[in-house]
Amino acid sequence: MNLPSTLRRALALLALALPLLAPAQEATIRKALTDRIPGLSTIDEISKSPMPGLFEVRIGNDIFYTDPEGNYLIQGALIDTRARKNLTEERIDKLTAINFKDLQLKNAFTVVRGNGKRKVAVFEDPNCPYCKRFEKDLEKIDNVTVHTFLIPILGPDSTEKSKRIWCASDKVKTWDDWMLRNVSPKEAGAKCDTAALDANVAFARKYNITGTPTLVFIDGHRVPGAINTQQIEQLLAR
């Protein structure tokens, strides 16, 4: 098809202008939100959402939605009614996912139950009451390999207990004795290397693991909080 030269030039100019639309749109939204809501000064990303006319505003792992001018801010779940999917939840899952291969397993102690085919990593503080409740549910799970990463984040006593557990000749038994039977771990030797605990805390900080227990499954899915036996089984079966 032969187009008039003036129309060809107009189309060419439009093609050049289109890529500039997104940055301009982002700048409009960012300015409106940061000017009106000072707490939103640390916006990490603004992008189109699956819903036409709605934009996603990401701050860390928190998701909000807004209109093209940033006049309204929505906090809540975006649901795809046709696919029956929670799009916000899926987005957060992707943002918080941790590649299982990135876990430094040398800094964890491991227990294998049954055939050990299913795998999960758990970040825990020995003084976390929710972790103690979680361990009782986890104990009921069979055919699983559990990698436990100690992250002493609840104070000096957590650090001391973590050192004693990590330095024990049988880490798994010492951990179970404390978490399941309330038997205090024995004092660690002066020569014990606890660099793994520092590495775990650094890893947790890097991936924004701020609460315990936090579970990481083989597909990278992260679950914060003490879930029960049935929920653990469901996630292992994913």
C-alpha atoms as a PDB file:
ATOM      1  CA  MET A   1       0.000   0.000   0.000  1.00  0.00           C
ATOM      2  CA  ASN A   2       1.368   3.407  -1.045  1.00  0.00           C
ATOM      3  CA  LEU A   3       0.802   5.985   1.695  1.00  0.00           C
ATOM      4  CA  PRO A   4       1.080   9.730   1.153  1.00  0.00           C
ATOM      5  CA  SER A   5       4.474  11.089   2.238  1.00  0.00           C
ATOM      6  CA  THR A   6       2.859  13.360   4.869  1.00  0.00           C
ATOM      7  CA  LEU A   7       1.097  10.355   6.457  1.00  0.00           C
ATOM      8  CA  ARG A   8       4.303   8.294   6.400  1.00  0.00           C
ATOM      9  CA  ARG A   9       6.147  11.091   8.184  1.00  0.00           C
ATOM     10  CA  ALA A  10       3.350  11.390  10.755  1.00  0.00           C
ATOM     11  CA  LEU A  11       3.448   7.653  11.444  1.00  0.00           C
ATOM     12  CA  ALA A  12       7.231   7.748  11.778  1.00  0.00           C
ATOM     13  CA  LEU A  13       7.008  10.578  14.288  1.00  0.00           C
ATOM     14  CA  LEU A  14       4.333   8.694  16.212  1.00  0.00           C
ATOM     15  CA  ALA A  15       6.541   5.586  16.338  1.00  0.00           C
ATOM     16  CA  LEU A  16       9.352   7.680  17.791  1.00  0.00           C
ATOM     17  CA  ALA A  17       7.030   9.286  20.327  1.00  0.00           C
ATOM     18  CA  LEU A  18       5.453   6.072  21.648  1.00  0.00           C
ATOM     19  CA  PRO A  19       8.476   4.886  23.661  1.00  0.00           C
ATOM     20  CA  LEU A  20       8.524   8.256  25.420  1.00  0.00           C
ATOM     21  CA  LEU A  21       4.954   7.825  26.601  1.00  0.00           C
ATOM     22  CA  ALA A  22       5.748   5.304  29.344  1.00  0.00           C
ATOM     23  CA  PRO A  23       8.482   7.389  31.054  1.00  0.00           C
ATOM     24  CA  ALA A  24       6.267  10.460  30.854  1.00  0.00           C
ATOM     25  CA  GLN A  25       3.355   8.543  32.333  1.00  0.00           C
ATOM     26  CA  GLU A  26       5.559   7.172  35.087  1.00  0.00           C
ATOM     27  CA  ALA A  27       6.898  10.644  35.890  1.00  0.00           C
ATOM     28  CA  THR A  28       3.341  12.022  36.150  1.00  0.00           C
ATOM     29  CA  ILE A  29       2.233   9.295  38.534  1.00  0.00           C
ATOM     30  CA  ARG A  30       5.423   9.385  40.594  1.00  0.00           C
ATOM     31  CA  LYS A  31       5.281  13.167  41.059  1.00  0.00           C
ATOM     32  CA  ALA A  32       1.594  13.166  42.003  1.00  0.00           C
ATOM     33  CA  LEU A  33       1.966  10.398  44.569  1.00  0.00           C
ATOM     34  CA  THR A  34       5.207  11.578  46.156  1.00  0.00           C
ATOM     35  CA  ASP A  35       3.994  15.198  46.375  1.00  0.00           C
ATOM     36  CA  ARG A  36       0.712  14.233  48.017  1.00  0.00           C
ATOM     37  CA  ILE A  37       1.796  11.254  50.129  1.00  0.00           C
ATOM     38  CA  PRO A  38       5.328  11.756  51.555  1.00  0.00           C
ATOM     39  CA  GLY A  39       5.445   8.134  52.693  1.00  0.00           C
ATOM     40  CA  LEU A  40       5.525   7.083  49.047  1.00  0.00           C
ATOM     41  CA  SER A  41       8.836   8.824  48.360  1.00  0.00           C
ATOM     42  CA  THR A  42      10.593   5.464  47.964  1.00  0.00           C
ATOM     43  CA  ILE A  43       8.611   4.092  45.011  1.00  0.00           C
ATOM     44  CA  ASP A  44      10.695   1.339  43.399  1.00  0.00           C
ATOM     45  CA  GLU A  45       8.688   0.733  40.252  1.00  0.00           C
ATOM     46  CA  ILE A  46       5.626   1.923  38.363  1.00  0.00           C
ATOM     47  CA  SER A  47       4.238  -0.279  35.596  1.00  0.00           C
ATOM     48  CA  LYS A  48       1.051  -1.101  33.741  1.00  0.00           C
ATOM     49  CA  SER A  49      -1.201  -3.611  35.449  1.00  0.00           C
ATOM     50  CA  PRO A  50      -3.196  -6.265  33.554  1.00  0.00           C
ATOM     51  CA  MET A  51      -6.285  -4.063  33.973  1.00  0.00           C
ATOM     52  CA  PRO A  52      -6.499  -1.270  31.342  1.00  0.00           C
ATOM     53  CA  GLY A  53      -6.056   2.184  32.843  1.00  0.00           C
ATOM     54  CA  LEU A  54      -4.692   0.841  36.120  1.00  0.00           C
ATOM     55  CA  PHE A  55      -1.035   1.151  37.070  1.00  0.00           C
ATOM     56  CA  GLU A  56       0.923  -0.905  39.574  1.00  0.00           C
ATOM     57  CA  VAL A  57       2.993   0.966  42.163  1.00  0.00           C
ATOM     58  CA  ARG A  58       5.627  -1.183  43.856  1.00  0.00           C
ATOM     59  CA  ILE A  59       7.361  -0.209  47.093  1.00  0.00           C
ATOM     60  CA  GLY A  60       9.655  -3.032  48.109  1.00  0.00           C
ATOM     61  CA  ASN A  61       7.387  -6.073  48.051  1.00  0.00           C
ATOM     62  CA  ASP A  62       4.215  -4.044  48.668  1.00  0.00           C
ATOM     63  CA  ILE A  63       1.850  -3.527  45.748  1.00  0.00           C
ATOM     64  CA  PHE A  64      -0.558  -0.615  45.236  1.00  0.00           C
ATOM     65  CA  TYR A  65      -2.598   0.539  42.250  1.00  0.00           C
ATOM     66  CA  THR A  66      -3.345   3.972  40.850  1.00  0.00           C
ATOM     67  CA  ASP A  67      -4.953   5.793  37.897  1.00  0.00           C
ATOM     68  CA  PRO A  68      -2.971   7.472  35.063  1.00  0.00           C
ATOM     69  CA  GLU A  69      -2.789  10.793  36.950  1.00  0.00           C
ATOM     70  CA  GLY A  70      -2.033   9.401  40.397  1.00  0.00           C
ATOM     71  CA  ASN A  71      -5.227  10.924  41.781  1.00  0.00           C
ATOM     72  CA  TYR A  72      -6.317   7.726  43.511  1.00  0.00           C
ATOM     73  CA  LEU A  73      -4.410   5.013  45.343  1.00  0.00           C
ATOM     74  CA  ILE A  74      -5.786   1.503  45.845  1.00  0.00           C
ATOM     75  CA  GLN A  75      -4.463  -1.003  48.369  1.00  0.00           C
ATOM     76  CA  GLY A  76      -5.871  -4.474  47.874  1.00  0.00           C
ATOM     77  CA  ALA A  77      -6.010  -7.506  45.599  1.00  0.00           C
ATOM     78  CA  LEU A  78      -6.523  -7.348  41.848  1.00  0.00           C
ATOM     79  CA  ILE A  79      -8.591 -10.387  40.836  1.00  0.00           C
ATOM     80  CA  ASP A  80      -8.863 -11.831  37.322  1.00  0.00           C
ATOM     81  CA  THR A  81     -12.485 -13.010  37.436  1.00  0.00           C
ATOM     82  CA  ARG A  82     -12.261 -14.951  34.173  1.00  0.00           C
ATOM     83  CA  ALA A  83      -9.191 -16.939  35.190  1.00  0.00           C
ATOM     84  CA  ARG A  84     -10.215 -16.848  38.860  1.00  0.00           C
ATOM     85  CA  LYS A  85      -6.716 -15.779  39.878  1.00  0.00           C
ATOM     86  CA  ASN A  86      -5.442 -13.326  42.461  1.00  0.00           C
ATOM     87  CA  LEU A  87      -3.039 -11.323  40.286  1.00  0.00           C
ATOM     88  CA  THR A  88      -1.683  -9.325  43.219  1.00  0.00           C
ATOM     89  CA  GLU A  89      -0.826 -12.481  45.129  1.00  0.00           C
ATOM     90  CA  GLU A  90       0.896 -13.965  42.074  1.00  0.00           C
ATOM     91  CA  ARG A  91       2.914 -10.776  41.618  1.00  0.00           C
ATOM     92  CA  ILE A  92       4.052 -10.753  45.249  1.00  0.00           C
ATOM     93  CA  ASP A  93       4.986 -14.440  44.977  1.00  0.00           C
ATOM     94  CA  LYS A  94       7.285 -13.583  42.071  1.00  0.00           C
ATOM     95  CA  LEU A  95       8.788 -10.595  43.885  1.00  0.00           C
ATOM     96  CA  THR A  96       9.548 -12.559  47.055  1.00  0.00           C
ATOM     97  CA  ALA A  97      10.657 -15.810  45.424  1.00  0.00           C
ATOM     98  CA  ILE A  98      14.114 -17.122  46.347  1.00  0.00           C
ATOM     99  CA  ASN A  99      15.940 -19.399  43.948  1.00  0.00           C
ATOM    100  CA  PHE A 100      16.578 -22.585  45.904  1.00  0.00           C
ATOM    101  CA  LYS A 101      19.993 -22.824  44.233  1.00  0.00           C
ATOM    102  CA  ASP A 102      20.977 -19.517  45.855  1.00  0.00           C
ATOM    103  CA  LEU A 103      20.603 -20.968  49.347  1.00  0.00           C
ATOM    104  CA  GLN A 104      23.948 -21.559  51.051  1.00  0.00           C
ATOM    105  CA  LEU A 105      23.214 -25.045  52.344  1.00  0.00           C
ATOM    106  CA  LYS A 106      26.611 -25.282  54.033  1.00  0.00           C
ATOM    107  CA  ASN A 107      25.267 -22.736  56.532  1.00  0.00           C
ATOM    108  CA  ALA A 108      22.277 -24.902  57.449  1.00  0.00           C
ATOM    109  CA  PHE A 109      21.878 -28.202  59.250  1.00  0.00           C
ATOM    110  CA  THR A 110      19.837 -30.823  57.462  1.00  0.00           C
ATOM    111  CA  VAL A 111      17.486 -33.616  58.449  1.00  0.00           C
ATOM    112  CA  VAL A 112      16.184 -36.247  56.017  1.00  0.00           C
ATOM    113  CA  ARG A 113      12.948 -38.054  56.781  1.00  0.00           C
ATOM    114  CA  GLY A 114      11.805 -41.077  54.794  1.00  0.00           C
ATOM    115  CA  ASN A 115      12.966 -40.881  51.172  1.00  0.00           C
ATOM    116  CA  GLY A 116      13.727 -37.154  51.534  1.00  0.00           C
ATOM    117  CA  LYS A 117      12.540 -36.420  47.983  1.00  0.00           C
ATOM    118  CA  ARG A 118      10.606 -33.297  48.897  1.00  0.00           C
ATOM    119  CA  LYS A 119      12.685 -30.320  49.988  1.00  0.00           C
ATOM    120  CA  VAL A 120      12.137 -27.203  52.047  1.00  0.00           C
ATOM    121  CA  ALA A 121      14.390 -24.619  53.682  1.00  0.00           C
ATOM    122  CA  VAL A 122      13.367 -22.912  56.910  1.00  0.00           C
ATOM    123  CA  PHE A 123      14.774 -19.747  58.485  1.00  0.00           C
ATOM    124  CA  GLU A 124      14.249 -19.748  62.253  1.00  0.00           C
ATOM    125  CA  ASP A 125      15.224 -18.042  65.486  1.00  0.00           C
ATOM    126  CA  PRO A 126      15.538 -20.385  68.506  1.00  0.00           C
ATOM    127  CA  ASN A 127      13.629 -17.912  70.703  1.00  0.00           C
ATOM    128  CA  CYS A 128      10.717 -17.557  68.297  1.00  0.00           C
ATOM    129  CA  PRO A 129       7.542 -19.015  69.906  1.00  0.00           C
ATOM    130  CA  TYR A 130       5.897 -19.393  66.495  1.00  0.00           C
ATOM    131  CA  CYS A 131       8.887 -21.461  65.360  1.00  0.00           C
ATOM    132  CA  LYS A 132       8.369 -23.851  68.270  1.00  0.00           C
ATOM    133  CA  ARG A 133       4.742 -24.313  67.289  1.00  0.00           C
ATOM    134  CA  PHE A 134       5.739 -24.754  63.652  1.00  0.00           C
ATOM    135  CA  GLU A 135       8.389 -27.378  64.507  1.00  0.00           C
ATOM    136  CA  LYS A 136       5.724 -29.560  66.128  1.00  0.00           C
ATOM    137  CA  ASP A 137       3.762 -29.526  62.871  1.00  0.00           C
ATOM    138  CA  LEU A 138       6.858 -30.002  60.710  1.00  0.00           C
ATOM    139  CA  GLU A 139       7.817 -33.063  62.769  1.00  0.00           C
ATOM    140  CA  LYS A 140       4.743 -34.850  61.413  1.00  0.00           C
ATOM    141  CA  ILE A 141       5.888 -34.508  57.787  1.00  0.00           C
ATOM    142  CA  ASP A 142       7.519 -37.579  56.195  1.00  0.00           C
ATOM    143  CA  ASN A 143       9.540 -38.084  52.981  1.00  0.00           C
ATOM    144  CA  VAL A 144      11.112 -34.646  53.198  1.00  0.00           C
ATOM    145  CA  THR A 145      14.527 -33.015  53.451  1.00  0.00           C
ATOM    146  CA  VAL A 146      14.555 -29.985  55.743  1.00  0.00           C
ATOM    147  CA  HIS A 147      17.399 -27.461  55.677  1.00  0.00           C
ATOM    148  CA  THR A 148      17.295 -25.265  58.794  1.00  0.00           C
ATOM    149  CA  PHE A 149      19.003 -21.870  58.721  1.00  0.00           C
ATOM    150  CA  LEU A 150      19.494 -20.220  62.101  1.00  0.00           C
ATOM    151  CA  ILE A 151      18.969 -16.453  61.995  1.00  0.00           C
ATOM    152  CA  PRO A 152      19.286 -14.966  65.495  1.00  0.00           C
ATOM    153  CA  ILE A 153      17.291 -11.750  65.060  1.00  0.00           C
ATOM    154  CA  LEU A 154      15.379 -11.524  68.340  1.00  0.00           C
ATOM    155  CA  GLY A 155      18.204 -10.354  70.592  1.00  0.00           C
ATOM    156  CA  PRO A 156      21.485 -11.354  72.289  1.00  0.00           C
ATOM    157  CA  ASP A 157      20.053 -14.527  73.827  1.00  0.00           C
ATOM    158  CA  SER A 158      18.986 -15.702  70.376  1.00  0.00           C
ATOM    159  CA  THR A 159      22.573 -15.236  69.229  1.00  0.00           C
ATOM    160  CA  GLU A 160      23.905 -17.219  72.183  1.00  0.00           C
ATOM    161  CA  LYS A 161      21.411 -20.070  71.725  1.00  0.00           C
ATOM    162  CA  SER A 162      22.099 -20.182  67.979  1.00  0.00           C
ATOM    163  CA  LYS A 163      25.834 -20.480  68.652  1.00  0.00           C
ATOM    164  CA  ARG A 164      25.273 -23.320  71.097  1.00  0.00           C
ATOM    165  CA  ILE A 165      23.050 -25.188  68.653  1.00  0.00           C
ATOM    166  CA  TRP A 166      25.344 -24.626  65.671  1.00  0.00           C
ATOM    167  CA  CYS A 167      28.406 -25.704  67.641  1.00  0.00           C
ATOM    168  CA  ALA A 168      26.827 -28.875  69.046  1.00  0.00           C
ATOM    169  CA  SER A 169      28.218 -32.210  67.888  1.00  0.00           C
ATOM    170  CA  ASP A 170      24.672 -33.202  66.889  1.00  0.00           C
ATOM    171  CA  LYS A 171      22.990 -30.032  65.655  1.00  0.00           C
ATOM    172  CA  VAL A 172      19.690 -31.681  64.737  1.00  0.00           C
ATOM    173  CA  LYS A 173      19.238 -33.376  68.114  1.00  0.00           C
ATOM    174  CA  THR A 174      20.212 -30.240  70.015  1.00  0.00           C
ATOM    175  CA  TRP A 175      17.768 -28.200  67.950  1.00  0.00           C
ATOM    176  CA  ASP A 176      14.944 -30.701  68.440  1.00  0.00           C
ATOM    177  CA  ASP A 177      15.662 -30.986  72.147  1.00  0.00           C
ATOM    178  CA  TRP A 178      15.312 -27.239  72.532  1.00  0.00           C
ATOM    179  CA  MET A 179      12.414 -26.582  70.159  1.00  0.00           C
ATOM    180  CA  LEU A 180      10.307 -29.661  70.972  1.00  0.00           C
ATOM    181  CA  ARG A 181      11.322 -30.591  74.517  1.00  0.00           C
ATOM    182  CA  ASN A 182      12.585 -27.289  75.958  1.00  0.00           C
ATOM    183  CA  VAL A 183      16.008 -28.749  76.821  1.00  0.00           C
ATOM    184  CA  SER A 184      18.509 -25.886  76.799  1.00  0.00           C
ATOM    185  CA  PRO A 185      21.549 -26.317  74.533  1.00  0.00           C
ATOM    186  CA  LYS A 186      24.916 -26.675  76.256  1.00  0.00           C
ATOM    187  CA  GLU A 187      27.496 -23.903  76.153  1.00  0.00           C
ATOM    188  CA  ALA A 188      29.571 -23.781  72.982  1.00  0.00           C
ATOM    189  CA  GLY A 189      33.319 -24.234  72.906  1.00  0.00           C
ATOM    190  CA  ALA A 190      35.522 -21.196  72.446  1.00  0.00           C
ATOM    191  CA  LYS A 191      36.982 -22.498  69.158  1.00  0.00           C
ATOM    192  CA  CYS A 192      33.647 -23.021  67.399  1.00  0.00           C
ATOM    193  CA  ASP A 193      33.316 -21.188  64.063  1.00  0.00           C
ATOM    194  CA  THR A 194      29.977 -19.347  63.922  1.00  0.00           C
ATOM    195  CA  ALA A 195      30.567 -17.467  60.672  1.00  0.00           C
ATOM    196  CA  ALA A 196      27.609 -19.364  59.193  1.00  0.00           C
ATOM    197  CA  LEU A 197      25.241 -17.510  61.508  1.00  0.00           C
ATOM    198  CA  ASP A 198      26.555 -14.139  60.335  1.00  0.00           C
ATOM    199  CA  ALA A 199      26.176 -15.297  56.737  1.00  0.00           C
ATOM    200  CA  ASN A 200      22.598 -16.374  57.402  1.00  0.00           C
ATOM    201  CA  VAL A 201      21.691 -13.009  58.904  1.00  0.00           C
ATOM    202  CA  ALA A 202      23.266 -11.255  55.909  1.00  0.00           C
ATOM    203  CA  PHE A 203      21.329 -13.513  53.528  1.00  0.00           C
ATOM    204  CA  ALA A 204      18.098 -12.792  55.397  1.00  0.00           C
ATOM    205  CA  ARG A 205      18.770  -9.064  55.208  1.00  0.00           C
ATOM    206  CA  LYS A 206      19.498  -9.266  51.466  1.00  0.00           C
ATOM    207  CA  TYR A 207      16.247 -11.114  50.743  1.00  0.00           C
ATOM    208  CA  ASN A 208      14.172  -9.150  53.256  1.00  0.00           C
ATOM    209  CA  ILE A 209      13.469 -12.111  55.522  1.00  0.00           C
ATOM    210  CA  THR A 210      12.315 -10.210  58.586  1.00  0.00           C
ATOM    211  CA  GLY A 211      10.229 -12.762  60.460  1.00  0.00           C
ATOM    212  CA  THR A 212      10.508 -16.348  61.601  1.00  0.00           C
ATOM    213  CA  PRO A 213       9.744 -18.960  60.605  1.00  0.00           C
ATOM    214  CA  THR A 214      10.099 -18.272  56.890  1.00  0.00           C
ATOM    215  CA  LEU A 215       9.865 -21.227  54.519  1.00  0.00           C
ATOM    216  CA  VAL A 216      11.364 -21.512  51.036  1.00  0.00           C
ATOM    217  CA  PHE A 217      10.178 -24.320  48.778  1.00  0.00           C
ATOM    218  CA  ILE A 218      11.994 -25.936  45.867  1.00  0.00           C
ATOM    219  CA  ASP A 219      10.082 -23.797  43.325  1.00  0.00           C
ATOM    220  CA  GLY A 220      11.272 -20.626  45.074  1.00  0.00           C
ATOM    221  CA  HIS A 221       7.914 -19.943  46.714  1.00  0.00           C
ATOM    222  CA  ARG A 222       8.359 -18.183  50.047  1.00  0.00           C
ATOM    223  CA  VAL A 223       5.929 -18.489  52.952  1.00  0.00           C
ATOM    224  CA  PRO A 224       6.288 -16.310  56.065  1.00  0.00           C
ATOM    225  CA  GLY A 225       4.786 -17.498  59.315  1.00  0.00           C
ATOM    226  CA  ALA A 226       3.982 -20.691  61.174  1.00  0.00           C
ATOM    227  CA  ILE A 227       1.778 -22.794  58.900  1.00  0.00           C
ATOM    228  CA  ASN A 228       0.244 -26.094  59.994  1.00  0.00           C
ATOM    229  CA  THR A 229       0.922 -29.657  58.857  1.00  0.00           C
ATOM    230  CA  GLN A 230      -1.814 -29.673  56.222  1.00  0.00           C
ATOM    231  CA  GLN A 231      -0.581 -26.425  54.693  1.00  0.00           C
ATOM    232  CA  ILE A 232       3.011 -27.708  54.622  1.00  0.00           C
ATOM    233  CA  GLU A 233       1.848 -30.858  52.824  1.00  0.00           C
ATOM    234  CA  GLN A 234      -0.102 -28.828  50.270  1.00  0.00           C
ATOM    235  CA  LEU A 235       2.868 -26.608  49.470  1.00  0.00           C
ATOM    236  CA  LEU A 236       5.270 -29.557  49.225  1.00  0.00           C
ATOM    237  CA  ALA A 237       2.890 -31.113  46.700  1.00  0.00           C
ATOM    238  CA  ARG A 238       2.896 -28.049  44.411  1.00  0.00           C
END
